[in-house]
Protein backbone atom coordinates (compact mmCIF):
# COMPACT_ATOMS: atom_id res chain seq x y z
CA MET A 1 78.45 100.61 64.79
CA LYS A 2 79.32 101.22 68.42
CA ARG A 3 77.23 103.69 70.38
CA ILE A 4 78.23 105.63 73.48
CA VAL A 5 75.52 107.58 75.32
CA ILE A 6 76.36 110.41 77.72
CA ASP A 7 73.63 111.61 80.12
CA ILE A 8 74.14 114.88 81.98
CA TYR A 9 71.77 115.36 84.91
CA ASP A 10 70.75 118.85 86.04
CA GLU A 11 68.66 120.46 88.77
CA THR A 12 65.46 119.00 87.28
CA ASN A 13 66.75 115.56 88.30
CA GLY A 14 66.77 116.26 92.05
CA HIS A 15 69.44 114.33 93.97
CA LEU A 16 71.11 113.28 90.68
CA ASN A 17 71.95 116.91 89.88
CA GLY A 18 75.53 117.10 88.61
CA MET A 19 75.85 113.43 87.69
CA ILE A 20 77.26 112.44 84.33
CA GLU A 21 76.76 108.88 83.12
CA ILE A 22 78.35 107.10 80.17
CA ASN A 23 76.76 103.93 78.82
CA SER A 24 77.63 101.64 75.95
CA GLU A 25 76.07 98.23 75.40
CA GLU A 26 78.46 97.56 72.53
CA LEU A 27 81.53 98.33 74.66
CA CYS A 28 80.01 96.64 77.74
CA LEU A 29 80.57 99.56 80.08
CA THR A 30 78.76 101.95 82.38
CA TYR A 31 80.55 104.84 84.07
CA SER A 32 79.03 107.32 86.52
CA ASP A 33 80.55 110.45 88.05
CA ILE A 34 78.75 112.53 90.64
CA ILE A 35 80.52 115.25 92.58
CA GLY A 36 83.92 113.59 92.89
CA VAL A 37 82.66 110.02 93.30
CA HIS A 38 82.92 107.81 90.25
CA GLY A 39 82.67 104.18 89.28
CA LEU A 40 83.00 101.92 86.28
CA GLN A 41 81.35 98.62 85.47
CA SER A 42 82.88 96.82 82.52
CA ARG A 43 83.91 93.38 81.35
CA TYR A 44 87.31 93.84 83.03
CA GLU A 45 88.17 93.64 86.72
CA GLY A 46 89.50 96.61 88.73
CA ASP A 47 93.13 95.53 88.71
CA ASP A 48 93.14 94.82 84.95
CA GLU A 49 95.16 97.37 82.96
CA ARG A 50 92.28 97.75 80.48
CA HIS A 51 89.85 98.59 83.30
CA ILE A 52 92.20 101.30 84.59
CA LYS A 53 92.58 102.75 81.09
CA GLN A 54 88.78 102.71 80.55
CA MET A 55 88.31 104.52 83.87
CA ASP A 56 90.83 107.20 82.90
CA ILE A 57 89.27 107.76 79.47
CA CYS A 58 85.73 107.92 80.90
CA HIS A 59 86.87 110.44 83.51
CA LYS A 60 88.32 112.65 80.75
CA ILE A 61 85.11 112.33 78.71
CA THR A 62 82.95 113.42 81.68
CA LYS A 63 85.15 116.49 82.22
CA LEU A 64 84.77 117.45 78.54
CA ALA A 65 81.01 116.77 78.58
CA LYS A 66 80.63 119.03 81.65
CA GLU A 67 82.63 121.81 79.95
CA LEU A 68 80.50 121.50 76.82
CA SER A 69 77.29 121.55 78.88
CA ASP A 70 78.44 124.62 80.81
CA ILE A 71 78.97 126.68 77.65
CA SER A 72 75.86 125.51 75.82
């Protein structure tokens, strides 16, 4: 089994309000997005095609998670 955890921070989290974080030990990645600034730590380097693809997928996931949070 591979687990991916998505944390959505709100106003109760102070300066982290609006941040969405994706973590997966099994996939060896951590992605954070807060108000237009984002970053990815993974087993691949920044210029690796796989790193770029992971970044793009994580960005799409955070957009969907925000939409889901907004309507819930």
